[in-house]
Protein backbone atom coordinates (compact mmCIF):
# COMPACT_ATOMS: atom_id res chain seq x y z
CA MET A 1 20.11 14.25 13.14
CA PRO A 2 19.32 10.51 13.05
CA ASP A 3 22.12 8.18 14.01
CA SER A 4 22.82 5.97 10.99
CA THR A 5 24.61 3.43 13.15
CA SER A 6 21.91 3.10 15.79
CA THR A 7 21.72 -0.33 17.37
CA ARG A 8 18.34 0.03 19.02
CA SER A 9 15.77 -2.68 18.30
CA PRO A 10 13.94 -1.82 15.10
CA ASN A 11 10.19 -1.35 14.91
CA VAL A 12 9.51 -4.20 12.47
CA PRO A 13 6.11 -2.98 11.16
CA LEU A 14 7.63 0.49 10.65
CA VAL A 15 10.63 -0.96 8.79
CA VAL A 16 8.40 -3.01 6.47
CA THR A 17 6.20 0.03 5.83
CA ILE A 18 9.24 2.12 4.90
CA LEU A 19 10.51 -0.62 2.58
CA VAL A 20 7.10 -0.73 0.89
CA LEU A 21 7.19 3.04 0.37
CA ALA A 22 10.72 3.02 -1.06
CA SER A 23 10.03 0.00 -3.28
CA SER A 24 6.78 1.56 -4.51
CA VAL A 25 8.77 4.40 -6.07
CA SER A 26 10.64 2.03 -8.41
CA ILE A 27 7.52 -0.03 -9.14
CA MET A 28 5.53 3.10 -10.02
CA SER A 29 8.24 4.17 -12.47
CA THR A 30 7.24 1.24 -14.72
CA ASP A 31 3.58 0.46 -14.10
CA MET A 32 2.32 4.04 -13.89
CA TYR A 33 3.82 4.77 -17.29
CA ALA A 34 2.51 1.64 -19.08
CA PRO A 35 -0.80 3.13 -20.40
CA SER A 36 1.20 5.87 -22.16
CA LEU A 37 3.24 3.45 -24.29
CA PRO A 38 1.01 3.22 -27.40
CA ASP A 39 0.68 7.03 -27.68
CA LEU A 40 4.44 7.55 -27.41
CA ALA A 41 4.97 5.91 -30.79
CA ASP A 42 3.06 8.82 -32.38
CA GLU A 43 4.48 11.39 -29.94
CA PHE A 44 8.05 10.63 -31.00
CA SER A 45 7.29 9.38 -34.55
CA THR A 46 8.82 5.99 -33.84
CA THR A 47 7.91 2.27 -33.77
CA PRO A 48 6.22 0.29 -30.98
CA THR A 49 9.39 -1.81 -30.70
CA ARG A 50 11.50 1.23 -29.74
CA VAL A 51 8.84 2.45 -27.32
CA LYS A 52 8.78 -0.95 -25.61
CA LEU A 53 12.55 -0.64 -25.10
CA THR A 54 11.87 2.19 -22.64
CA ILE A 55 10.38 -0.51 -20.41
CA SER A 56 12.63 -3.51 -21.08
CA LEU A 57 15.99 -1.68 -21.08
CA ASN A 58 14.97 0.16 -17.92
CA LEU A 59 14.40 -3.19 -16.24
CA LEU A 60 17.65 -4.64 -17.59
CA ALA A 61 19.60 -1.67 -16.18
CA PHE A 62 17.67 -2.10 -12.94
CA GLY A 63 18.87 -5.70 -12.69
CA LEU A 64 22.51 -5.20 -13.63
CA ALA A 65 22.98 -2.15 -11.38
CA GLN A 66 22.06 -4.18 -8.32
CA LEU A 67 25.35 -6.04 -8.60
CA LEU A 68 26.97 -2.69 -7.70
CA HIS A 69 24.41 -1.46 -5.17
CA GLY A 70 24.76 -4.61 -3.04
CA PRO A 71 28.49 -4.16 -2.28
CA LEU A 72 27.90 -0.42 -1.84
CA SER A 73 25.31 -1.12 0.85
CA ASP A 74 27.73 -3.54 2.56
CA ARG A 75 30.44 -0.86 2.50
CA PHE A 76 28.49 2.29 3.43
CA GLY A 77 25.35 0.86 5.06
CA ARG A 78 21.81 0.28 3.81
CA ARG A 79 20.46 3.71 4.71
CA PRO A 80 22.95 6.05 2.93
CA VAL A 81 22.80 4.07 -0.34
CA LEU A 82 18.99 4.13 -0.25
CA LEU A 83 18.98 7.90 0.23
CA TRP A 84 21.34 8.48 -2.71
CA SER A 85 19.20 6.16 -4.83
CA LEU A 86 16.03 8.14 -4.12
CA ALA A 87 17.83 11.37 -5.00
CA GLY A 88 18.87 9.76 -8.30
CA VAL A 89 15.27 8.77 -9.00
CA VAL A 90 14.24 12.43 -8.76
CA LEU A 91 16.93 13.37 -11.30
CA GLY A 92 16.04 10.47 -13.59
CA CYS A 93 12.36 11.45 -13.59
CA MET A 94 13.23 15.00 -14.58
CA LEU A 95 15.38 13.70 -17.46
CA CYS A 96 12.36 11.70 -18.67
CA VAL A 97 10.08 14.76 -18.43
CA PHE A 98 12.38 16.88 -20.59
CA SER A 99 13.22 14.20 -23.20
CA GLN A 100 12.77 15.51 -26.76
CA SER A 101 13.26 12.24 -28.68
CA ILE A 102 12.73 8.53 -28.18
CA ASN A 103 16.51 8.05 -27.88
CA GLN A 104 16.68 10.61 -25.08
CA LEU A 105 13.77 8.93 -23.32
CA ILE A 106 15.38 5.49 -23.64
CA ALA A 107 18.63 6.89 -22.17
CA ALA A 108 16.74 8.60 -19.33
CA ARG A 109 14.85 5.40 -18.57
CA ILE A 110 18.10 3.39 -18.48
CA PHE A 111 19.53 5.92 -15.99
CA LEU A 112 16.34 5.77 -13.94
CA GLY A 113 16.53 1.97 -13.80
CA PHE A 114 20.19 2.15 -12.73
CA VAL A 115 19.63 4.53 -9.81
CA ALA A 116 16.33 2.95 -8.67
CA ALA A 117 17.92 -0.48 -8.38
CA ALA A 118 19.09 0.05 -4.79
CA GLU A 119 15.57 -0.24 -3.40
CA ALA A 120 15.24 -3.93 -4.31
CA VAL A 121 18.71 -4.85 -2.99
CA ILE A 122 18.37 -2.98 0.27
CA GLY A 123 14.87 -4.25 0.99
CA LEU A 124 16.04 -7.88 0.74
CA ALA A 125 19.22 -7.17 2.70
CA ILE A 126 17.35 -5.48 5.57
CA ILE A 127 14.90 -8.39 5.81
CA LYS A 128 17.85 -10.81 5.89
CA ASP A 129 19.59 -8.62 8.50
CA LEU A 130 16.60 -8.53 10.85
CA PHE A 131 14.61 -11.78 10.47
CA ASN A 132 15.19 -15.52 10.76
CA GLU A 133 14.27 -17.83 7.84
CA LYS A 134 10.66 -18.45 8.88
CA GLN A 135 10.10 -14.77 9.56
CA GLN A 136 11.70 -13.94 6.20
CA MET A 137 9.21 -16.13 4.34
CA LYS A 138 6.28 -14.49 6.12
CA ALA A 139 7.73 -10.99 5.73
CA LEU A 140 8.43 -11.51 2.02
CA ALA A 141 4.96 -12.91 1.41
CA LEU A 142 3.35 -9.99 3.24
CA LEU A 143 5.69 -7.49 1.60
CA GLY A 144 4.82 -8.94 -1.81
CA MET A 145 1.14 -8.82 -0.93
CA VAL A 146 1.28 -5.14 0.06
CA ILE A 147 3.51 -4.10 -2.84
CA ALA A 148 1.07 -5.87 -5.18
CA ILE A 149 -1.36 -3.04 -4.47
CA VAL A 150 0.97 -0.57 -6.19
CA PRO A 151 0.93 -2.17 -9.68
CA ALA A 152 -2.85 -2.38 -9.35
CA ILE A 153 -3.25 1.32 -8.62
CA ALA A 154 -0.36 2.73 -10.67
CA PRO A 155 -1.65 2.13 -14.25
CA ILE A 156 -5.11 3.39 -13.31
CA LEU A 157 -3.64 6.60 -11.92
CA GLY A 158 -1.19 6.79 -14.83
CA GLY A 159 -3.97 6.46 -17.41
CA TYR A 160 -5.97 9.34 -15.94
CA LEU A 161 -2.84 11.49 -15.55
CA HIS A 162 -1.92 10.79 -19.18
CA VAL A 163 -5.33 11.90 -20.44
CA ALA A 164 -5.50 14.97 -18.19
CA PHE A 165 -1.91 16.25 -18.19
CA GLY A 166 0.17 14.17 -20.63
CA TRP A 167 2.60 11.30 -20.16
CA GLU A 168 5.21 13.56 -18.51
CA SER A 169 2.99 14.05 -15.45
CA ASN A 170 3.61 10.42 -14.44
CA PHE A 171 7.27 11.16 -13.82
CA VAL A 172 6.52 14.36 -11.91
CA VAL A 173 4.36 12.36 -9.48
CA ILE A 174 7.06 9.67 -9.12
CA ALA A 175 9.67 12.35 -8.36
CA VAL A 176 7.45 13.80 -5.61
CA MET A 177 6.99 10.28 -4.15
CA ALA A 178 10.77 9.78 -4.16
CA ILE A 179 11.26 13.02 -2.21
CA ILE A 180 8.67 11.93 0.38
CA ALA A 181 10.28 8.49 0.66
CA ALA A 182 13.73 10.04 1.16
CA ILE A 183 12.42 12.20 4.00
CA VAL A 184 10.83 9.19 5.72
CA VAL A 185 13.98 7.07 5.28
CA TYR A 186 16.18 9.87 6.64
CA PHE A 187 14.18 10.34 9.82
CA TYR A 188 12.77 6.88 10.58
CA LEU A 189 14.77 4.03 9.00
CA PRO A 190 17.47 2.63 11.33
CA GLU A 191 20.70 1.20 9.96
CA SER A 192 20.52 -2.61 10.01
CA THR A 193 24.17 -3.50 9.40
CA GLU A 194 27.69 -2.50 10.39
CA PRO A 195 29.53 -1.04 7.35
CA ASP A 196 32.30 -3.31 6.07
CA GLN A 197 35.41 -1.32 5.14
CA HIS A 198 36.57 -4.01 2.69
CA ALA A 199 33.24 -4.71 0.97
CA LEU A 200 34.27 -2.96 -2.27
CA ASN A 201 37.50 -4.90 -2.72
CA VAL A 202 37.22 -6.08 -6.35
CA ARG A 203 38.78 -9.47 -5.74
CA ARG A 204 36.55 -10.08 -2.74
CA VAL A 205 33.39 -9.03 -4.59
CA THR A 206 34.28 -11.17 -7.60
CA ARG A 207 35.00 -14.16 -5.37
CA ALA A 208 31.70 -13.65 -3.51
CA TYR A 209 29.68 -13.51 -6.73
CA ALA A 210 31.50 -16.52 -8.17
CA GLY A 211 30.74 -18.46 -4.99
CA LEU A 212 27.05 -17.56 -5.23
CA LEU A 213 26.89 -18.71 -8.86
CA GLY A 214 28.39 -22.02 -7.76
CA ASN A 215 25.78 -22.44 -5.02
CA ALA A 216 23.09 -24.63 -6.59
CA ASP A 217 20.49 -23.88 -3.89
CA PHE A 218 20.97 -20.13 -4.28
CA LEU A 219 21.13 -20.17 -8.07
CA SER A 220 18.11 -22.40 -8.70
CA HIS A 221 15.78 -20.40 -6.44
CA THR A 222 17.08 -17.11 -7.85
CA LEU A 223 16.38 -18.27 -11.40
CA VAL A 224 12.83 -19.24 -10.33
CA LEU A 225 12.35 -15.64 -9.21
CA GLY A 226 13.80 -14.25 -12.45
CA VAL A 227 11.63 -16.39 -14.70
CA SER A 228 8.51 -15.64 -12.62
CA LEU A 229 9.20 -11.90 -12.76
CA GLY A 230 9.83 -12.30 -16.50
CA LEU A 231 6.26 -13.53 -16.89
CA ILE A 232 5.03 -10.39 -15.16
CA PHE A 233 7.05 -8.05 -17.34
CA VAL A 234 6.08 -9.81 -20.54
CA PHE A 235 2.54 -8.74 -19.69
CA VAL A 236 3.54 -5.22 -18.58
CA THR A 237 5.54 -4.67 -21.79
CA ALA A 238 3.15 -6.19 -24.35
CA ALA A 239 -0.35 -5.86 -22.87
CA PRO A 240 -0.76 -2.08 -23.40
CA PHE A 241 -0.38 -2.53 -27.17
CA ILE A 242 -2.65 -5.59 -27.30
CA LEU A 243 -5.40 -4.19 -25.09
CA ILE A 244 -5.29 -0.53 -26.20
CA THR A 245 -4.25 -0.81 -29.86
CA ASN A 246 -5.75 -4.17 -30.86
CA PHE A 247 -8.84 -4.42 -28.65
CA GLY A 248 -9.64 -0.71 -28.33
CA VAL A 249 -9.43 -0.46 -24.53
CA SER A 250 -9.19 3.23 -23.58
CA VAL A 251 -5.97 4.54 -22.02
CA GLN A 252 -7.67 5.46 -18.75
CA HIS A 253 -9.36 2.03 -18.52
CA PHE A 254 -6.27 -0.07 -19.27
CA GLY A 255 -5.23 0.10 -15.62
CA TYR A 256 -8.35 -1.71 -14.47
CA HIS A 257 -7.39 -4.74 -16.57
CA GLN A 258 -3.90 -4.83 -15.07
CA ALA A 259 -5.34 -4.21 -11.60
CA ALA A 260 -7.50 -7.34 -11.87
CA ILE A 261 -4.41 -9.43 -12.59
CA VAL A 262 -2.38 -7.83 -9.80
CA VAL A 263 -5.20 -8.53 -7.33
CA CYS A 264 -4.79 -12.22 -8.17
CA PHE A 265 -1.09 -11.96 -7.29
CA PHE A 266 -2.12 -10.20 -4.06
CA ILE A 267 -4.48 -13.06 -3.19
CA GLY A 268 -1.87 -15.68 -4.15
CA SER A 269 0.70 -14.01 -1.85
CA PHE A 270 -1.84 -13.82 0.97
CA VAL A 271 -2.73 -17.51 0.63
CA ALA A 272 0.98 -18.43 0.49
CA SER A 273 1.69 -16.47 3.70
CA LYS A 274 -0.99 -18.54 5.45
CA LEU A 275 0.24 -21.87 4.04
CA VAL A 276 3.90 -21.34 4.99
CA ASP A 277 3.32 -22.87 8.42
CA HIS A 278 1.47 -25.90 7.04
CA TRP A 279 2.97 -26.77 3.65
CA SER A 280 6.53 -27.61 2.67
CA ALA A 281 8.43 -25.31 0.35
CA ASP A 282 8.40 -28.02 -2.37
CA ARG A 283 4.62 -28.26 -2.20
CA LEU A 284 4.21 -24.49 -2.45
CA LEU A 285 6.55 -24.30 -5.46
CA SER A 286 4.81 -27.21 -7.20
CA THR A 287 1.39 -25.62 -6.66
CA GLY A 288 2.60 -22.31 -8.06
CA LEU A 289 4.10 -24.08 -11.08
CA PHE A 290 0.85 -25.96 -11.77
CA LEU A 291 -1.17 -22.73 -11.75
CA ILE A 292 1.31 -20.89 -13.99
CA PHE A 293 1.28 -23.75 -16.48
CA SER A 294 -2.52 -23.87 -16.40
CA GLY A 295 -2.77 -20.16 -17.22
CA CYS A 296 -0.25 -20.56 -20.03
CA VAL A 297 -2.27 -23.42 -21.57
CA VAL A 298 -5.45 -21.33 -21.35
CA LEU A 299 -3.69 -18.45 -23.15
CA ILE A 300 -2.47 -20.71 -25.97
CA VAL A 301 -5.91 -22.30 -26.44
CA LEU A 302 -7.57 -18.87 -26.57
CA ILE A 303 -5.18 -17.72 -29.30
CA LEU A 304 -5.43 -20.92 -31.36
CA THR A 305 -9.24 -20.87 -31.23
CA ASN A 306 -9.50 -17.12 -31.96
CA HIS A 307 -11.30 -16.47 -28.67
CA LEU A 308 -8.74 -14.06 -27.23
CA GLY A 309 -10.25 -10.79 -25.99
CA PRO A 310 -9.64 -8.30 -23.16
CA LEU A 311 -11.45 -10.37 -20.52
CA SER A 312 -10.09 -13.75 -21.61
CA LEU A 313 -6.52 -12.38 -21.77
CA VAL A 314 -6.91 -11.05 -18.23
CA ALA A 315 -8.38 -14.39 -17.08
CA ALA A 316 -5.42 -16.39 -18.42
CA TYR A 317 -2.83 -14.13 -16.80
CA SER A 318 -4.85 -13.98 -13.56
CA ILE A 319 -4.33 -17.73 -13.15
CA MET A 320 -0.60 -17.30 -13.72
CA PHE A 321 -0.28 -14.34 -11.36
CA PHE A 322 -2.11 -16.23 -8.61
CA GLY A 323 0.46 -19.01 -8.99
CA MET A 324 3.32 -16.54 -8.59
CA GLY A 325 2.30 -15.85 -4.99
CA PRO A 326 3.80 -19.12 -3.68
CA MET A 327 6.89 -18.64 -5.88
CA PHE A 328 7.71 -15.23 -4.43
CA ALA A 329 6.98 -16.40 -0.87
CA VAL A 330 9.39 -19.34 -0.97
CA ALA A 331 12.20 -18.61 -3.45
CA PRO A 332 13.88 -15.49 -1.91
CA SER A 333 14.33 -16.91 1.59
CA HIS A 334 15.50 -20.28 0.23
CA ALA A 335 17.98 -18.55 -2.06
CA LEU A 336 19.46 -16.62 0.88
CA ARG A 337 19.36 -19.37 3.52
CA SER A 338 22.86 -20.63 2.69
CA VAL A 339 24.39 -17.14 2.79
CA LYS A 340 26.08 -16.30 6.09
CA THR A 341 28.08 -13.16 5.27
CA GLN A 342 28.06 -10.26 2.77
CA THR A 343 24.28 -10.16 2.76
CA GLY A 344 24.24 -7.05 0.55
CA SER A 345 26.22 -8.79 -2.19
CA ALA A 346 24.02 -11.89 -1.95
CA SER A 347 20.87 -9.77 -2.13
CA ALA A 348 22.35 -7.92 -5.09
CA MET A 349 23.10 -11.13 -6.96
CA LEU A 350 19.64 -12.49 -6.21
CA SER A 351 17.74 -9.38 -7.21
CA GLY A 352 20.15 -8.53 -10.03
CA LEU A 353 19.73 -11.90 -11.74
CA GLU A 354 16.00 -11.80 -11.09
CA GLN A 355 15.55 -8.35 -12.64
CA SER A 356 17.99 -9.02 -15.50
CA LEU A 357 16.11 -12.15 -16.56
CA ALA A 358 12.87 -10.18 -16.39
CA GLY A 359 14.48 -7.42 -18.46
CA LEU A 360 15.65 -9.90 -21.10
CA SER A 361 12.11 -11.30 -21.24
CA GLY A 362 10.81 -7.79 -21.86
CA VAL A 363 13.45 -7.21 -24.57
CA ALA A 364 12.47 -10.49 -26.24
CA VAL A 365 8.77 -9.64 -26.42
CA SER A 366 9.70 -6.13 -27.62
CA LEU A 367 11.88 -7.35 -30.48
CA LEU A 368 9.31 -9.97 -31.52
CA HIS A 369 6.52 -7.38 -31.75
CA ASP A 370 4.29 -8.07 -34.77
CA GLY A 371 1.06 -6.40 -33.68
CA THR A 372 -0.51 -9.63 -32.37
CA ALA A 373 -0.56 -11.56 -29.09
CA LEU A 374 1.62 -14.35 -30.51
CA PRO A 375 4.98 -12.92 -29.28
CA MET A 376 3.57 -12.55 -25.76
CA ALA A 377 2.24 -16.13 -25.80
CA SER A 378 5.50 -17.50 -27.22
CA VAL A 379 7.73 -15.87 -24.61
CA THR A 380 5.26 -16.82 -21.85
CA THR A 381 5.33 -20.47 -22.93
CA PHE A 382 9.13 -20.51 -23.05
CA LEU A 383 9.32 -19.07 -19.53
CA ALA A 384 6.77 -21.57 -18.19
CA LEU A 385 8.89 -24.43 -19.57
CA MET A 386 11.96 -22.92 -17.90
CA LEU A 387 10.08 -22.88 -14.58
CA LEU A 388 9.23 -26.56 -15.02
CA ALA A 389 12.93 -27.39 -15.49
CA LEU A 390 13.96 -25.26 -12.50
CA VAL A 391 11.43 -26.76 -10.09
CA TRP A 392 12.54 -30.24 -11.22
CA TRP A 393 16.16 -29.20 -10.50
CA ILE A 394 15.23 -27.95 -7.01
CA ARG A 395 13.36 -31.16 -6.15
CA ARG A 396 16.30 -33.23 -7.38
CA GLN A 397 18.63 -31.21 -5.12
CA ASN A 398 16.33 -31.71 -2.14
CA ASN A 399 16.14 -35.46 -2.73
CA ALA A 400 19.93 -35.63 -2.99
CA ASP A 401 20.25 -33.89 0.41
CA LEU A 402 18.02 -36.47 2.15
């Protein structure tokens, strides 16, 4: 049996590969299912707004649950919590498969988001445990680059599975992936931290979270991540209805449109990983912001001039997704650089706020649904303006520290 408290030097490429596999399970649970969304409205005799809630409330639960998974991983170790999470994903997928109403599916998706949340917390915590700040930036950029492949492949696979076997087959495949990931984690992932017997003390956890919220460097970079991820999930939540329902893109071909956008994020992450050694963090963030704003302006112009179509929509979001590469390379390591202890709790707060903001963005575009692209453009514009304010705040902090 593997020793969960092993102190041997970790095989870094192996650890990153395992984190990619575990994280892919939670990513697949959203992106693989996206092409099925328009058909579920007819399947369950409900509205597109309620169907979209199976995405946005899942993500909101995913974000909030991380505030619990972080202290749990500090108390019991990264590895045991990750294993229990993967077991929960299998159960959550089966609850989705056997849902008989939209309310049951929403509840199952909320549970699935809650149990899958550990992957994001533990991945960040392990990287913080093992790497210095420079290595963290490179590892996070490369991790983001590799994980970007999953959202590119998932909706393509999900579309074909939906047509061939029905929407339920997506969750069967995810459950099988979770089982495989659990086996790999059990046999090959070393424990990266010493369990803290007092990590679940309520007063201590509350004090730790309050301290993080009062840390301007941590909070500003975390909010950058949340708003950037919100832009991604605005597309994931709304695009299936716009592309499939409005523009007539087939279910099995929807994934190719999302894949094109994800490839741009992949390239942006790759470029950012190369520029880390040559550019300052401020310059990387400013470049990412400029690209995101440019894509947002293109989207607004396309809508106002009635030139929006499948290819032009993809082009506008491709510019934005390319700009997110530098954001995701810089912001996580800079958010965590001032944290010296309770890494699990800090990772939980970072990822929890990030995912919760993204979930709220998805809820907003769901509730504003009117059958057009206007809600997506409106929420996207609001988030881009928030990014502008946050980057200005970060630069003001940096100037004050000089």
